[in-house]
Amino acid sequence: MRRFVLTEFPLAERRVFLRVDFNVPLKGDMILNERKIIASLPTIGLLLEKKCTVILATHLGRPEGKRVKGLQTALLIESLRRHLPNTPIIALPDCIGKSVRDAIVNGNHESIYLLENLRFYKEEEENDLAFAHALADLAEFYVNDAFGVHSAHASVDAITRFLPSAAGFLVERELLQLSKALQPERPAAWIMGGAKLDKVDLIQQALRNADQILVGGALAFSFLRAKGYQVGHSKVDQESITIAEKILRKREARKIILPLDFVAAKSFSQTTKTEIVSFGEIEPDQICLDLGPRTITLFKQQLRQAKTIVWNGPLGYFEWAKFATATREIARYIASLTATTICGGGETAEAIERYHVQDKMTHVSTGGGAALLFLSGKKIPAITALEKNYLKFKRKILRD
């Protein structure tokens, strides 16, 4: 279905409610990673070019409907002013209400008004219609540039009932690039890692769209147990094993490539002694925390000929350097290839940035859960809302 894009809107000198995802990692009042802020700068830039009043709205952390001092959006001001040094940026004390609206309506064009944390109101996550109407009352147009917000919240769903609504450049880029995973240039390889086999729909898409599925991380242990192998104390649960058994009965399961060896230890510790063990020789008292060298070599061989690579989930407990070898080696190897490389999931993006290869990937999604939903073939509520909005407002906008 169609949705409005920025270039279709008569935005000159209008008030625009711009929903972004500036839910950045914080340490005290210091931003640890500005990637999400930087990703929305093109959309902000276009609105400023058109002399819009930009009403910037985001959530920050999980305040659960309460005002939390360490989660105020004023923490973002310094970063925004550094990236937009010639633009007046005003932090407002709330996100709804008469005083907020008056400040915006009576303010200058080509300015940014940063609203307070949307999730200070429980109505945001409840997709409350009255709260959404109060947000919409601040603006004349709505733009969603918050791909990472994949649940039906008031500022991405209900608000679209009241204002002509468009997708921002970040959202459009996410949808364009992630679509390449579902309609890939062949051969296509999917790398699937992470901790749990709770991605049944994602695996179904991989079986449909991939030629090889390379399985690592704790995900591998469910498949090994389903095949009758012991995995020691490695992370696994019965529900995941049952799911793996069903998947392995499918004809397409021949595409699944499991690890040949692991880095195993007797305890979960950064200083524990390790050894390389084959997949069929894991001792009852061992826990496997990374892929072994034979598996890394095998995965590289499988990836070498791929024209599309989709990666979701780290391949070991990469938070500790001792068990980050497979994730690091595969990230750097993928970065050296000419294939289209699409990376989704929060931990995957974290790993790619840690090894400084993000600029060598075709696309690293800003939305962990949203990317997984899209790659799983599911609808994202915020995108569906934009499609409905197009049907509601297309005559008015296209006429104007």
Protein backbone atom coordinates (compact mmCIF):
# COMPACT_ATOMS: atom_id res chain seq x y z
CA MET A 1 0.00 0.00 0.00
CA ARG A 2 1.06 3.62 -0.54
CA ARG A 3 2.07 6.13 2.10
CA PHE A 4 2.97 9.78 1.92
CA VAL A 5 6.62 10.75 1.67
CA LEU A 6 8.10 14.10 2.60
CA THR A 7 8.42 15.34 -0.96
CA GLU A 8 4.62 15.14 -1.44
CA PHE A 9 3.80 17.47 1.44
CA PRO A 10 3.27 21.28 1.19
CA LEU A 11 5.42 21.86 4.26
CA ALA A 12 6.77 25.38 3.73
CA GLU A 13 6.56 27.35 6.97
CA ARG A 14 4.26 24.77 8.57
CA ARG A 15 4.38 23.30 12.06
CA VAL A 16 5.55 19.71 11.74
CA PHE A 17 5.40 17.11 14.50
CA LEU A 18 8.49 14.98 13.89
CA ARG A 19 8.56 11.70 15.80
CA VAL A 20 12.12 10.42 16.08
CA ASP A 21 13.75 7.59 17.99
CA PHE A 22 16.41 9.30 20.08
CA ASN A 23 16.33 6.57 22.71
CA VAL A 24 20.10 6.67 22.99
CA PRO A 25 22.26 4.82 25.54
CA LEU A 26 23.16 7.03 28.49
CA LYS A 27 25.74 6.97 31.25
CA GLY A 28 24.55 9.55 33.71
CA ASP A 29 23.89 12.61 31.55
CA MET A 30 26.36 11.54 28.85
CA ILE A 31 25.23 10.07 25.53
CA LEU A 32 27.29 6.97 24.72
CA ASN A 33 26.19 6.59 21.09
CA GLU A 34 24.67 9.25 18.81
CA ARG A 35 23.89 6.96 15.87
CA LYS A 36 20.12 7.35 16.16
CA ILE A 37 20.37 11.13 16.34
CA ILE A 38 22.65 11.32 13.31
CA ALA A 39 20.33 9.01 11.34
CA SER A 40 17.45 11.52 11.52
CA LEU A 41 19.47 14.60 10.59
CA PRO A 42 18.53 14.39 6.85
CA THR A 43 14.83 14.58 7.69
CA ILE A 44 15.37 17.42 10.15
CA GLY A 45 17.50 19.18 7.53
CA LEU A 46 14.76 19.07 4.90
CA LEU A 47 12.18 20.48 7.30
CA LEU A 48 14.50 23.33 8.24
CA GLU A 49 15.15 24.05 4.54
CA LYS A 50 11.40 24.45 4.12
CA LYS A 51 11.38 26.90 7.05
CA CYS A 52 9.22 24.62 9.16
CA THR A 53 8.70 24.84 12.87
CA VAL A 54 10.02 21.43 13.91
CA ILE A 55 8.31 19.88 16.92
CA LEU A 56 10.75 17.13 17.87
CA ALA A 57 9.34 14.25 19.92
CA THR A 58 10.99 11.11 21.27
CA HIS A 59 10.94 8.69 24.15
CA LEU A 60 13.98 8.08 26.31
CA GLY A 61 14.42 5.00 28.46
CA ARG A 62 11.58 3.31 30.35
CA PRO A 63 10.05 5.82 32.78
CA GLU A 64 6.77 3.86 32.79
CA GLY A 65 4.47 6.87 32.87
CA LYS A 66 6.38 8.79 35.53
CA ARG A 67 8.70 11.79 35.41
CA VAL A 68 12.23 10.47 35.88
CA LYS A 69 14.96 13.06 36.32
CA GLY A 70 17.67 11.11 34.49
CA LEU A 71 15.45 10.54 31.43
CA GLN A 72 14.59 14.12 30.49
CA THR A 73 15.00 14.94 26.82
CA ALA A 74 17.00 18.06 27.75
CA LEU A 75 19.91 15.62 27.93
CA LEU A 76 19.79 15.54 24.12
CA ILE A 77 20.14 19.30 23.63
CA GLU A 78 23.95 19.45 23.61
CA SER A 79 24.18 16.74 20.94
CA LEU A 80 21.51 18.37 18.78
CA ARG A 81 23.15 21.78 19.00
CA ARG A 82 26.49 20.32 18.02
CA HIS A 83 24.98 18.74 14.89
CA LEU A 84 22.73 21.72 14.12
CA PRO A 85 24.83 24.70 15.25
CA ASN A 86 22.88 27.32 13.27
CA THR A 87 19.41 26.28 14.41
CA PRO A 88 17.64 27.55 17.55
CA ILE A 89 16.73 24.53 19.69
CA ILE A 90 14.36 25.05 22.59
CA ALA A 91 13.67 22.37 25.20
CA LEU A 92 10.08 22.49 26.44
CA PRO A 93 9.08 21.34 29.94
CA ASP A 94 6.24 19.11 28.73
CA CYS A 95 4.94 17.46 25.56
CA ILE A 96 1.29 18.52 25.69
CA GLY A 97 -0.73 21.41 27.06
CA LYS A 98 -1.61 25.04 26.36
CA SER A 99 1.73 26.51 27.46
CA VAL A 100 3.61 24.11 25.18
CA ARG A 101 1.34 24.92 22.24
CA ASP A 102 1.59 28.66 22.83
CA ALA A 103 5.40 28.50 22.90
CA ILE A 104 5.42 26.67 19.57
CA VAL A 105 2.71 28.68 17.77
CA ASN A 106 4.20 32.01 18.86
CA GLY A 107 7.78 30.94 18.15
CA ASN A 108 9.91 31.41 15.07
CA HIS A 109 10.01 29.25 11.97
CA GLU A 110 13.22 27.32 11.29
CA SER A 111 13.41 26.49 14.99
CA ILE A 112 13.31 23.14 16.77
CA TYR A 113 11.10 22.66 19.82
CA LEU A 114 12.16 19.56 21.74
CA LEU A 115 9.25 18.08 23.65
CA GLU A 116 9.68 16.37 26.99
CA ASN A 117 9.89 12.56 27.12
CA LEU A 118 6.69 11.14 25.64
CA ARG A 119 6.79 8.16 27.98
CA PHE A 120 6.44 10.38 31.02
CA TYR A 121 2.77 9.82 30.16
CA LYS A 122 1.50 6.24 30.42
CA GLU A 123 -1.01 7.14 27.71
CA GLU A 124 1.82 7.09 25.14
CA GLU A 125 2.38 3.33 25.36
CA GLU A 126 -1.37 2.75 25.80
CA ASN A 127 -1.97 4.34 22.36
CA ASP A 128 -4.46 6.64 24.04
CA LEU A 129 -6.55 8.62 21.56
CA ALA A 130 -6.96 11.71 23.74
CA PHE A 131 -3.20 11.91 24.36
CA ALA A 132 -2.56 11.51 20.63
CA HIS A 133 -5.03 14.32 19.91
CA ALA A 134 -3.20 16.57 22.39
CA LEU A 135 0.07 15.87 20.56
CA ALA A 136 -1.52 16.46 17.17
CA ASP A 137 -2.93 19.79 18.38
CA LEU A 138 0.63 21.16 18.38
CA ALA A 139 1.15 20.74 14.63
CA GLU A 140 -0.27 20.86 11.11
CA PHE A 141 1.60 17.86 9.71
CA TYR A 142 3.09 14.69 11.14
CA VAL A 143 6.30 12.91 10.08
CA ASN A 144 7.42 9.55 11.44
CA ASP A 145 11.18 9.07 11.40
CA ALA A 146 11.20 6.64 14.34
CA PHE A 147 11.59 3.22 12.73
CA GLY A 148 12.67 1.70 16.05
CA VAL A 149 9.24 2.26 17.62
CA HIS A 150 7.52 -0.90 16.46
CA SER A 151 4.60 -1.05 18.90
CA ALA A 152 1.29 0.76 18.46
CA HIS A 153 1.98 3.83 20.62
CA ALA A 154 0.09 7.11 20.55
CA SER A 155 2.88 9.11 18.88
CA VAL A 156 3.27 6.67 15.97
CA ASP A 157 -0.20 5.19 15.59
CA ALA A 158 -3.16 7.09 17.04
CA ILE A 159 -1.74 10.51 16.10
CA THR A 160 -2.03 9.65 12.40
CA ARG A 161 -5.83 9.81 12.72
CA PHE A 162 -5.64 13.57 13.18
CA LEU A 163 -2.90 14.91 10.89
CA PRO A 164 -1.70 14.27 7.34
CA SER A 165 1.22 11.93 7.98
CA ALA A 166 4.37 10.99 6.08
CA ALA A 167 7.34 8.73 6.49
CA GLY A 168 10.69 10.42 7.07
CA PHE A 169 13.86 9.64 5.16
CA LEU A 170 15.14 7.25 7.84
CA VAL A 171 11.95 5.18 7.78
CA GLU A 172 11.93 5.06 3.98
CA ARG A 173 15.57 3.96 3.90
CA GLU A 174 14.92 1.24 6.47
CA LEU A 175 12.02 -0.19 4.50
CA LEU A 176 13.91 0.00 1.21
CA GLN A 177 17.04 -1.71 2.51
CA LEU A 178 15.31 -4.37 4.62
CA SER A 179 13.13 -5.27 1.63
CA LYS A 180 16.29 -6.47 -0.09
CA ALA A 181 16.43 -9.32 2.43
CA LEU A 182 12.95 -10.53 1.48
CA GLN A 183 13.55 -10.18 -2.27
CA PRO A 184 17.27 -10.95 -2.35
CA GLU A 185 19.76 -11.23 -5.12
CA ARG A 186 20.86 -14.87 -5.10
CA PRO A 187 22.64 -16.68 -3.66
CA ALA A 188 21.51 -15.35 -0.29
CA ALA A 189 22.90 -16.31 3.10
CA TRP A 190 21.30 -15.56 6.47
CA ILE A 191 23.35 -15.60 9.65
CA MET A 192 21.22 -16.23 12.71
CA GLY A 193 22.55 -16.03 16.24
CA GLY A 194 21.48 -14.63 19.55
CA ALA A 195 20.27 -16.29 22.69
CA LYS A 196 16.81 -17.78 22.07
CA LEU A 197 14.84 -19.62 19.44
CA ASP A 198 11.93 -17.19 19.78
CA LYS A 199 12.13 -16.12 16.14
CA VAL A 200 9.96 -18.74 14.49
CA ASP A 201 8.55 -16.34 11.88
CA LEU A 202 12.04 -14.99 11.17
CA ILE A 203 13.36 -18.51 10.62
CA GLN A 204 10.43 -19.26 8.31
CA GLN A 205 11.39 -16.24 6.21
CA ALA A 206 15.01 -17.39 6.21
CA LEU A 207 13.97 -20.84 5.00
CA ARG A 208 12.00 -19.17 2.21
CA ASN A 209 14.49 -16.48 1.14
CA ALA A 210 17.94 -17.89 1.89
CA ASP A 211 20.10 -20.47 0.18
CA GLN A 212 22.13 -21.04 3.35
CA ILE A 213 21.24 -20.36 6.98
CA LEU A 214 24.29 -20.20 9.22
CA VAL A 215 23.27 -20.76 12.83
CA GLY A 216 25.40 -19.61 15.75
CA GLY A 217 25.03 -18.22 19.25
CA ALA A 218 22.84 -20.05 21.74
CA LEU A 219 20.39 -20.63 18.89
CA ALA A 220 22.62 -23.48 17.69
CA PHE A 221 22.15 -25.53 20.87
CA SER A 222 18.42 -25.97 20.34
CA PHE A 223 19.11 -27.48 16.92
CA LEU A 224 21.88 -29.71 18.24
CA ARG A 225 19.63 -31.00 21.02
CA ALA A 226 16.86 -31.57 18.47
CA LYS A 227 19.33 -33.73 16.54
CA GLY A 228 20.11 -35.74 19.67
CA TYR A 229 23.44 -34.17 20.69
CA GLN A 230 24.30 -33.11 24.23
CA VAL A 231 25.21 -29.45 24.82
CA GLY A 232 26.27 -29.52 28.49
CA HIS A 233 25.26 -26.40 30.41
CA SER A 234 24.95 -24.31 27.27
CA LYS A 235 21.85 -22.12 27.11
CA VAL A 236 18.81 -23.99 25.86
CA ASP A 237 15.19 -24.67 26.84
CA GLN A 238 12.64 -27.34 26.02
CA GLU A 239 10.31 -25.08 24.08
CA SER A 240 13.17 -24.06 21.78
CA ILE A 241 14.14 -27.70 21.24
CA THR A 242 10.56 -28.56 20.27
CA ILE A 243 10.48 -25.68 17.77
CA ALA A 244 13.83 -26.76 16.35
CA GLU A 245 12.55 -30.32 15.90
CA LYS A 246 9.60 -29.03 13.84
CA ILE A 247 11.86 -26.85 11.71
CA LEU A 248 14.29 -29.69 11.03
CA ARG A 249 11.44 -31.81 9.65
CA LYS A 250 10.86 -29.29 6.88
CA ARG A 251 12.29 -29.96 3.43
CA GLU A 252 14.01 -26.56 3.45
CA ALA A 253 15.91 -27.50 6.63
CA ARG A 254 18.72 -28.74 4.43
CA LYS A 255 19.69 -25.08 4.11
CA ILE A 256 20.56 -24.92 7.82
CA ILE A 257 24.28 -25.13 8.59
CA LEU A 258 25.17 -25.81 12.22
CA PRO A 259 28.52 -25.24 13.96
CA LEU A 260 31.27 -27.85 13.80
CA ASP A 261 33.01 -26.77 17.00
CA PHE A 262 32.79 -24.41 19.97
CA VAL A 263 34.87 -22.62 22.56
CA ALA A 264 33.86 -24.38 25.78
CA ALA A 265 34.52 -23.73 29.46
CA LYS A 266 33.66 -25.26 32.83
CA SER A 267 32.26 -22.01 34.23
CA PHE A 268 30.67 -18.78 33.04
CA SER A 269 33.56 -16.42 33.70
CA GLN A 270 35.86 -14.04 31.82
CA THR A 271 38.92 -15.74 33.31
CA THR A 272 37.85 -19.36 32.95
CA LYS A 273 40.05 -21.85 31.13
CA THR A 274 38.71 -22.76 27.67
CA GLU A 275 39.13 -25.50 25.09
CA ILE A 276 37.90 -26.17 21.57
CA VAL A 277 35.37 -29.01 21.40
CA SER A 278 33.56 -30.59 18.44
CA PHE A 279 29.78 -30.33 18.34
CA GLY A 280 29.35 -34.00 19.27
CA GLU A 281 31.86 -34.01 22.12
CA ILE A 282 30.54 -31.39 24.54
CA GLU A 283 31.00 -32.62 28.11
CA PRO A 284 28.08 -32.56 30.59
CA ASP A 285 29.85 -29.97 32.77
CA GLN A 286 30.83 -27.64 29.91
CA ILE A 287 29.22 -24.46 28.64
CA CYS A 288 29.87 -23.29 25.08
CA LEU A 289 30.32 -19.52 24.74
CA ASP A 290 31.66 -18.99 21.21
CA LEU A 291 32.08 -20.73 17.87
CA GLY A 292 35.30 -22.59 17.22
CA PRO A 293 37.86 -22.02 14.43
CA ARG A 294 36.55 -24.77 12.13
CA THR A 295 33.08 -23.22 12.22
CA ILE A 296 34.43 -19.74 11.51
CA THR A 297 36.24 -21.12 8.46
CA LEU A 298 33.11 -22.98 7.33
CA PHE A 299 30.94 -19.88 7.68
CA LYS A 300 33.39 -17.78 5.68
CA GLN A 301 33.38 -20.39 2.91
CA GLN A 302 29.58 -20.26 2.78
CA LEU A 303 29.50 -16.46 2.76
CA ARG A 304 32.16 -16.01 0.08
CA GLN A 305 29.81 -16.58 -2.87
CA ALA A 306 26.75 -14.85 -1.41
CA LYS A 307 25.33 -11.80 -3.17
CA THR A 308 22.98 -10.96 -0.28
CA ILE A 309 23.83 -11.48 3.40
CA VAL A 310 21.33 -10.95 6.22
CA TRP A 311 22.66 -11.03 9.76
CA ASN A 312 20.67 -11.16 12.98
CA GLY A 313 22.20 -12.01 16.33
CA PRO A 314 25.79 -12.33 17.66
CA LEU A 315 27.55 -15.67 17.31
CA GLY A 316 28.87 -15.95 20.86
CA TYR A 317 28.92 -14.15 24.19
CA PHE A 318 30.63 -11.21 22.52
CA GLU A 319 30.22 -8.92 25.54
CA TRP A 320 33.40 -10.59 26.85
CA ALA A 321 36.41 -10.29 24.53
CA LYS A 322 37.39 -13.87 25.29
CA PHE A 323 34.24 -15.12 23.55
CA ALA A 324 33.93 -12.49 20.82
CA THR A 325 36.17 -14.10 18.21
CA ALA A 326 33.46 -15.53 15.94
CA THR A 327 31.30 -12.39 16.01
CA ARG A 328 34.32 -10.17 15.35
CA GLU A 329 35.79 -12.39 12.61
CA ILE A 330 32.51 -12.79 10.74
CA ALA A 331 31.68 -9.06 11.05
CA ARG A 332 35.04 -8.10 9.55
CA TYR A 333 34.80 -10.77 6.87
CA ILE A 334 31.33 -9.65 5.78
CA ALA A 335 32.58 -6.07 5.66
CA SER A 336 35.28 -7.13 3.18
CA LEU A 337 32.79 -8.63 0.71
CA THR A 338 30.97 -6.95 -2.18
CA ALA A 339 27.63 -8.54 -1.27
CA THR A 340 24.59 -6.55 -0.15
CA THR A 341 24.86 -6.78 3.64
CA ILE A 342 21.78 -6.16 5.80
CA CYS A 343 22.14 -6.25 9.56
CA GLY A 344 19.18 -6.15 11.95
CA GLY A 345 18.81 -6.45 15.70
CA GLY A 346 20.11 -4.34 18.56
CA GLU A 347 22.96 -6.63 19.62
CA THR A 348 24.02 -7.13 16.01
CA ALA A 349 24.28 -3.38 15.50
CA GLU A 350 26.21 -3.06 18.76
CA ALA A 351 28.71 -5.69 17.66
CA ILE A 352 29.17 -4.13 14.21
CA GLU A 353 29.87 -0.76 15.77
CA ARG A 354 32.23 -2.28 18.31
CA TYR A 355 34.39 -3.64 15.49
CA HIS A 356 34.14 -0.39 13.47
CA VAL A 357 32.71 -1.92 10.31
CA GLN A 358 29.30 -0.19 10.20
CA ASP A 359 30.34 2.04 7.30
CA LYS A 360 31.24 -1.02 5.23
CA MET A 361 27.82 -2.64 5.58
CA THR A 362 25.03 -1.85 3.13
CA HIS A 363 22.57 -1.30 5.95
CA VAL A 364 22.64 -1.49 9.74
CA SER A 365 19.10 -1.02 11.03
CA THR A 366 18.35 1.56 13.70
CA GLY A 367 15.39 -0.49 14.88
CA GLY A 368 16.11 -3.83 16.54
CA GLY A 369 12.58 -5.09 17.17
CA ALA A 370 11.15 -3.32 14.14
CA ALA A 371 13.77 -4.86 11.87
CA LEU A 372 12.96 -8.32 13.22
CA LEU A 373 9.24 -7.74 12.65
CA PHE A 374 9.82 -6.63 9.08
CA LEU A 375 12.26 -9.44 8.29
CA SER A 376 9.76 -11.89 9.80
CA GLY A 377 7.17 -10.74 7.28
CA LYS A 378 4.96 -9.10 9.90
CA LYS A 379 3.21 -5.73 9.80
CA ILE A 380 4.72 -2.83 11.72
CA PRO A 381 1.82 -0.88 13.33
CA ALA A 382 3.38 2.53 12.66
CA ILE A 383 3.79 1.75 8.95
CA THR A 384 0.24 0.42 8.69
CA ALA A 385 -0.93 3.66 10.31
CA LEU A 386 0.87 5.68 7.62
CA GLU A 387 -0.78 3.60 4.90
CA LYS A 388 -4.24 4.20 6.38
CA ASN A 389 -3.43 7.89 6.69
CA TYR A 390 -2.67 8.08 2.98
CA LEU A 391 -6.12 6.75 2.14
CA LYS A 392 -7.73 9.25 4.50
CA PHE A 393 -5.84 12.39 3.44
CA LYS A 394 -4.68 11.73 -0.15
CA ARG A 395 -7.37 13.87 -1.83
CA LYS A 396 -6.64 16.84 0.39
CA ILE A 397 -2.84 16.65 0.08
CA LEU A 398 -2.64 15.83 -3.61
CA ARG A 399 -5.16 18.60 -4.35
CA ASP A 400 -3.09 21.12 -2.38
